[in-house]
Amino acid sequence: MALQILLLLLVPYAMPLLMPSWRWLLAYTMAVALLVTLYFTAWYYALMATPTRTGLEGIGLALVLSAAISTAIGAIVRVVTLVAKERSVVIGISILGAILLPFAVLVWANR
């Protein structure tokens, strides 16, 4: 379970934090938004075209949504760290974001 949380939440969260400038962050965010939009379009058409449902559609949607939400939170944290120039503040914000994201998801899942 810990490996899945790492792969689905922390890796997409950490990718925007590696962007060196706001231009790279904007390009990365736009690329992820385009991929998520294409996925939802394909998912919608596949859902409307098939007469039977297996339940796997919801699992695939949950996996993509968790990665998309992690990426969005990582991008928000990176924007805040780009505004804050002090190194200790940047490290603190990045670590706090990495801790709060899985905690919030686990609390929500176990409610």
N, C-alpha and C. Protein backbone atom coordinates (compact mmCIF):
# COMPACT_ATOMS: atom_id res chain seq x y z
N MET A 1 0.82 -1.20 0.00
CA MET A 1 0.00 0.00 0.00
C MET A 1 0.86 1.26 0.00
N ALA A 2 1.98 1.20 0.69
CA ALA A 2 2.85 2.37 0.75
C ALA A 2 3.46 2.69 -0.61
N LEU A 3 3.77 1.66 -1.39
CA LEU A 3 4.32 1.88 -2.72
C LEU A 3 3.30 2.54 -3.63
N GLN A 4 2.04 2.13 -3.53
CA GLN A 4 1.00 2.75 -4.34
C GLN A 4 0.80 4.21 -3.97
N ILE A 5 0.83 4.51 -2.69
CA ILE A 5 0.70 5.90 -2.26
C ILE A 5 1.87 6.71 -2.77
N LEU A 6 3.06 6.14 -2.72
CA LEU A 6 4.23 6.84 -3.23
C LEU A 6 4.11 7.12 -4.72
N LEU A 7 3.72 6.12 -5.48
CA LEU A 7 3.64 6.29 -6.92
C LEU A 7 2.48 7.17 -7.36
N LEU A 8 1.34 7.03 -6.71
CA LEU A 8 0.16 7.78 -7.15
C LEU A 8 0.07 9.19 -6.58
N LEU A 9 0.73 9.44 -5.47
CA LEU A 9 0.59 10.75 -4.85
C LEU A 9 1.89 11.55 -4.82
N LEU A 10 2.98 10.95 -4.41
CA LEU A 10 4.20 11.72 -4.22
C LEU A 10 4.97 11.98 -5.51
N VAL A 11 4.99 11.03 -6.43
CA VAL A 11 5.71 11.26 -7.68
C VAL A 11 5.05 12.35 -8.52
N PRO A 12 3.72 12.33 -8.73
CA PRO A 12 3.11 13.46 -9.45
C PRO A 12 3.20 14.77 -8.68
N TYR A 13 3.26 14.70 -7.35
CA TYR A 13 3.44 15.91 -6.55
C TYR A 13 4.84 16.47 -6.73
N ALA A 14 5.85 15.59 -6.80
CA ALA A 14 7.24 16.05 -6.86
C ALA A 14 7.64 16.54 -8.24
N MET A 15 7.00 16.10 -9.30
CA MET A 15 7.38 16.51 -10.64
C MET A 15 7.31 18.03 -10.85
N PRO A 16 6.24 18.71 -10.45
CA PRO A 16 6.23 20.18 -10.62
C PRO A 16 7.28 20.87 -9.75
N LEU A 17 7.65 20.27 -8.63
CA LEU A 17 8.65 20.89 -7.76
C LEU A 17 10.04 20.90 -8.40
N LEU A 18 10.26 20.07 -9.40
CA LEU A 18 11.54 20.02 -10.08
C LEU A 18 11.66 21.05 -11.20
N MET A 19 10.58 21.75 -11.51
CA MET A 19 10.62 22.72 -12.59
C MET A 19 11.45 23.94 -12.18
N PRO A 20 12.43 24.34 -13.01
CA PRO A 20 13.35 25.40 -12.61
C PRO A 20 12.78 26.82 -12.67
N SER A 21 11.78 27.05 -13.49
CA SER A 21 11.23 28.40 -13.60
C SER A 21 9.73 28.32 -13.82
N TRP A 22 9.09 29.48 -13.80
CA TRP A 22 7.64 29.49 -13.98
C TRP A 22 7.26 29.10 -15.40
N ARG A 23 8.14 29.34 -16.38
CA ARG A 23 7.83 28.95 -17.76
C ARG A 23 7.79 27.43 -17.91
N TRP A 24 8.76 26.76 -17.30
CA TRP A 24 8.76 25.30 -17.32
C TRP A 24 7.54 24.75 -16.59
N LEU A 25 7.20 25.37 -15.48
CA LEU A 25 6.04 24.94 -14.70
C LEU A 25 4.76 25.12 -15.51
N LEU A 26 4.64 26.23 -16.22
CA LEU A 26 3.46 26.48 -17.05
C LEU A 26 3.37 25.45 -18.17
N ALA A 27 4.48 25.15 -18.83
CA ALA A 27 4.48 24.16 -19.91
C ALA A 27 4.12 22.77 -19.37
N TYR A 28 4.67 22.41 -18.22
CA TYR A 28 4.36 21.11 -17.62
C TYR A 28 2.89 21.02 -17.23
N THR A 29 2.38 22.07 -16.63
CA THR A 29 0.99 22.08 -16.21
C THR A 29 0.05 22.00 -17.40
N MET A 30 0.37 22.71 -18.46
CA MET A 30 -0.46 22.64 -19.67
C MET A 30 -0.41 21.24 -20.30
N ALA A 31 0.75 20.61 -20.31
CA ALA A 31 0.86 19.27 -20.87
C ALA A 31 0.04 18.26 -20.05
N VAL A 32 0.10 18.37 -18.73
CA VAL A 32 -0.68 17.47 -17.88
C VAL A 32 -2.18 17.74 -18.06
N ALA A 33 -2.55 19.00 -18.15
CA ALA A 33 -3.97 19.33 -18.35
C ALA A 33 -4.47 18.78 -19.68
N LEU A 34 -3.65 18.86 -20.72
CA LEU A 34 -4.04 18.31 -22.02
C LEU A 34 -4.19 16.79 -21.95
N LEU A 35 -3.26 16.12 -21.29
CA LEU A 35 -3.35 14.66 -21.16
C LEU A 35 -4.57 14.23 -20.35
N VAL A 36 -4.86 14.94 -19.27
CA VAL A 36 -6.03 14.60 -18.46
C VAL A 36 -7.32 14.86 -19.25
N THR A 37 -7.36 15.94 -20.01
CA THR A 37 -8.53 16.22 -20.85
C THR A 37 -8.72 15.15 -21.90
N LEU A 38 -7.65 14.72 -22.54
CA LEU A 38 -7.75 13.64 -23.53
C LEU A 38 -8.21 12.35 -22.88
N TYR A 39 -7.72 12.06 -21.67
CA TYR A 39 -8.16 10.85 -20.98
C TYR A 39 -9.65 10.91 -20.67
N PHE A 40 -10.12 12.05 -20.15
CA PHE A 40 -11.54 12.16 -19.82
C PHE A 40 -12.41 12.09 -21.07
N THR A 41 -11.94 12.62 -22.18
CA THR A 41 -12.69 12.53 -23.43
C THR A 41 -12.79 11.08 -23.89
N ALA A 42 -11.68 10.37 -23.88
CA ALA A 42 -11.69 8.95 -24.26
C ALA A 42 -12.52 8.13 -23.29
N TRP A 43 -12.43 8.44 -22.00
CA TRP A 43 -13.21 7.72 -20.98
C TRP A 43 -14.70 7.94 -21.20
N TYR A 44 -15.09 9.17 -21.50
CA TYR A 44 -16.51 9.48 -21.70
C TYR A 44 -17.06 8.76 -22.92
N TYR A 45 -16.32 8.81 -24.01
CA TYR A 45 -16.79 8.13 -25.22
C TYR A 45 -16.81 6.62 -25.05
N ALA A 46 -15.86 6.06 -24.35
CA ALA A 46 -15.87 4.62 -24.09
C ALA A 46 -17.02 4.24 -23.17
N LEU A 47 -17.34 5.10 -22.23
CA LEU A 47 -18.45 4.84 -21.32
C LEU A 47 -19.78 4.90 -22.03
N MET A 48 -19.93 5.83 -22.96
CA MET A 48 -21.18 5.97 -23.68
C MET A 48 -21.34 4.90 -24.77
N ALA A 49 -20.24 4.37 -25.31
CA ALA A 49 -20.32 3.43 -26.42
C ALA A 49 -20.60 2.00 -25.97
N THR A 50 -20.11 1.62 -24.80
CA THR A 50 -20.27 0.22 -24.37
C THR A 50 -21.57 0.06 -23.58
N PRO A 51 -22.33 -0.98 -23.89
CA PRO A 51 -23.58 -1.19 -23.17
C PRO A 51 -23.41 -1.81 -21.79
N THR A 52 -22.28 -2.44 -21.52
CA THR A 52 -22.08 -3.08 -20.22
C THR A 52 -21.01 -2.33 -19.44
N ARG A 53 -21.15 -2.37 -18.13
CA ARG A 53 -20.18 -1.73 -17.24
C ARG A 53 -19.54 -2.80 -16.37
N THR A 54 -18.24 -2.71 -16.19
CA THR A 54 -17.54 -3.72 -15.40
C THR A 54 -17.09 -3.19 -14.04
N GLY A 55 -17.09 -1.90 -13.84
CA GLY A 55 -16.60 -1.32 -12.61
C GLY A 55 -15.17 -0.85 -12.73
N LEU A 56 -14.46 -1.32 -13.75
CA LEU A 56 -13.08 -0.90 -13.95
C LEU A 56 -13.00 0.55 -14.42
N GLU A 57 -14.10 1.05 -14.97
CA GLU A 57 -14.10 2.45 -15.40
C GLU A 57 -13.89 3.38 -14.21
N GLY A 58 -14.52 3.06 -13.11
CA GLY A 58 -14.38 3.87 -11.90
C GLY A 58 -13.00 3.77 -11.29
N ILE A 59 -12.39 2.60 -11.36
CA ILE A 59 -11.04 2.42 -10.82
C ILE A 59 -10.04 3.23 -11.65
N GLY A 60 -10.17 3.17 -12.97
CA GLY A 60 -9.29 3.95 -13.82
C GLY A 60 -9.45 5.45 -13.60
N LEU A 61 -10.69 5.86 -13.42
CA LEU A 61 -10.95 7.28 -13.15
C LEU A 61 -10.35 7.70 -11.82
N ALA A 62 -10.44 6.86 -10.80
CA ALA A 62 -9.86 7.20 -9.50
C ALA A 62 -8.34 7.30 -9.57
N LEU A 63 -7.71 6.43 -10.34
CA LEU A 63 -6.26 6.49 -10.47
C LEU A 63 -5.81 7.76 -11.18
N VAL A 64 -6.49 8.12 -12.25
CA VAL A 64 -6.12 9.34 -12.99
C VAL A 64 -6.42 10.57 -12.16
N LEU A 65 -7.55 10.59 -11.46
CA LEU A 65 -7.88 11.74 -10.62
C LEU A 65 -6.88 11.93 -9.49
N SER A 66 -6.43 10.85 -8.88
CA SER A 66 -5.46 11.00 -7.79
C SER A 66 -4.14 11.58 -8.31
N ALA A 67 -3.70 11.13 -9.47
CA ALA A 67 -2.47 11.68 -10.05
C ALA A 67 -2.67 13.13 -10.48
N ALA A 68 -3.84 13.46 -11.02
CA ALA A 68 -4.11 14.84 -11.45
C ALA A 68 -4.19 15.79 -10.26
N ILE A 69 -4.81 15.35 -9.19
CA ILE A 69 -4.91 16.20 -7.99
C ILE A 69 -3.54 16.39 -7.36
N SER A 70 -2.73 15.34 -7.32
CA SER A 70 -1.37 15.46 -6.79
C SER A 70 -0.54 16.43 -7.62
N THR A 71 -0.68 16.37 -8.93
CA THR A 71 0.05 17.29 -9.80
C THR A 71 -0.41 18.73 -9.58
N ALA A 72 -1.71 18.92 -9.43
CA ALA A 72 -2.23 20.27 -9.20
C ALA A 72 -1.73 20.84 -7.88
N ILE A 73 -1.72 20.02 -6.84
CA ILE A 73 -1.22 20.49 -5.55
C ILE A 73 0.28 20.77 -5.62
N GLY A 74 1.02 19.93 -6.32
CA GLY A 74 2.45 20.18 -6.50
C GLY A 74 2.70 21.46 -7.26
N ALA A 75 1.88 21.75 -8.27
CA ALA A 75 2.04 23.00 -9.02
C ALA A 75 1.72 24.21 -8.15
N ILE A 76 0.71 24.10 -7.30
CA ILE A 76 0.38 25.20 -6.39
C ILE A 76 1.51 25.44 -5.40
N VAL A 77 2.06 24.37 -4.86
CA VAL A 77 3.18 24.50 -3.93
C VAL A 77 4.39 25.11 -4.64
N ARG A 78 4.63 24.71 -5.89
CA ARG A 78 5.78 25.28 -6.62
C ARG A 78 5.58 26.76 -6.91
N VAL A 79 4.36 27.17 -7.20
CA VAL A 79 4.10 28.60 -7.41
C VAL A 79 4.40 29.37 -6.13
N VAL A 80 3.99 28.82 -4.99
CA VAL A 80 4.27 29.49 -3.71
C VAL A 80 5.77 29.54 -3.45
N THR A 81 6.48 28.46 -3.79
CA THR A 81 7.93 28.46 -3.56
C THR A 81 8.66 29.37 -4.55
N LEU A 82 8.10 29.58 -5.73
CA LEU A 82 8.71 30.54 -6.66
C LEU A 82 8.56 31.97 -6.16
N VAL A 83 7.45 32.24 -5.47
CA VAL A 83 7.24 33.58 -4.91
C VAL A 83 8.15 33.80 -3.70
N ALA A 84 8.26 32.78 -2.85
CA ALA A 84 9.13 32.87 -1.68
C ALA A 84 10.56 32.55 -2.10
N LYS A 85 11.45 33.50 -1.95
CA LYS A 85 12.82 33.31 -2.43
C LYS A 85 13.75 32.73 -1.38
N GLU A 86 13.39 32.79 -0.10
CA GLU A 86 14.29 32.31 0.95
C GLU A 86 14.33 30.78 0.95
N ARG A 87 15.51 30.23 1.00
CA ARG A 87 15.72 28.80 0.83
C ARG A 87 15.05 27.96 1.92
N SER A 88 15.11 28.39 3.17
CA SER A 88 14.52 27.61 4.25
C SER A 88 13.00 27.60 4.14
N VAL A 89 12.41 28.69 3.68
CA VAL A 89 10.95 28.75 3.51
C VAL A 89 10.53 27.81 2.38
N VAL A 90 11.31 27.77 1.30
CA VAL A 90 11.01 26.91 0.17
C VAL A 90 11.05 25.44 0.58
N ILE A 91 12.06 25.05 1.31
CA ILE A 91 12.18 23.67 1.76
C ILE A 91 11.05 23.31 2.72
N GLY A 92 10.73 24.22 3.63
CA GLY A 92 9.64 23.97 4.58
C GLY A 92 8.29 23.82 3.90
N ILE A 93 8.01 24.67 2.93
CA ILE A 93 6.74 24.60 2.21
C ILE A 93 6.65 23.31 1.41
N SER A 94 7.74 22.91 0.76
CA SER A 94 7.74 21.68 -0.03
C SER A 94 7.53 20.45 0.84
N ILE A 95 8.19 20.39 1.98
CA ILE A 95 8.03 19.25 2.88
C ILE A 95 6.63 19.23 3.49
N LEU A 96 6.13 20.38 3.88
CA LEU A 96 4.78 20.45 4.45
C LEU A 96 3.73 20.01 3.43
N GLY A 97 3.90 20.43 2.18
CA GLY A 97 2.97 20.00 1.13
C GLY A 97 3.03 18.51 0.90
N ALA A 98 4.23 17.93 0.93
CA ALA A 98 4.38 16.48 0.72
C ALA A 98 3.80 15.69 1.88
N ILE A 99 3.81 16.24 3.07
CA ILE A 99 3.25 15.54 4.23
C ILE A 99 1.73 15.68 4.25
N LEU A 100 1.23 16.87 3.95
CA LEU A 100 -0.21 17.11 4.05
C LEU A 100 -1.02 16.41 2.97
N LEU A 101 -0.47 16.25 1.78
CA LEU A 101 -1.22 15.63 0.70
C LEU A 101 -1.60 14.18 0.99
N PRO A 102 -0.66 13.28 1.30
CA PRO A 102 -1.08 11.91 1.61
C PRO A 102 -1.92 11.82 2.88
N PHE A 103 -1.62 12.67 3.86
CA PHE A 103 -2.41 12.67 5.08
C PHE A 103 -3.87 13.04 4.79
N ALA A 104 -4.10 14.07 3.99
CA ALA A 104 -5.45 14.48 3.66
C ALA A 104 -6.19 13.39 2.88
N VAL A 105 -5.49 12.74 1.95
CA VAL A 105 -6.12 11.67 1.17
C VAL A 105 -6.46 10.48 2.07
N LEU A 106 -5.56 10.09 2.96
CA LEU A 106 -5.83 8.96 3.84
C LEU A 106 -6.94 9.26 4.83
N VAL A 107 -7.01 10.48 5.34
CA VAL A 107 -8.10 10.84 6.25
C VAL A 107 -9.43 10.83 5.50
N TRP A 108 -9.42 11.36 4.28
CA TRP A 108 -10.66 11.36 3.49
C TRP A 108 -11.10 9.93 3.15
N ALA A 109 -10.15 9.06 2.81
CA ALA A 109 -10.49 7.70 2.43
C ALA A 109 -11.00 6.87 3.60
N ASN A 110 -10.57 7.19 4.81
CA ASN A 110 -10.96 6.41 5.99
C ASN A 110 -12.06 7.06 6.80
N ARG A 111 -12.76 7.98 6.25
CA ARG A 111 -13.84 8.63 7.02
C ARG A 111 -15.06 7.79 7.09
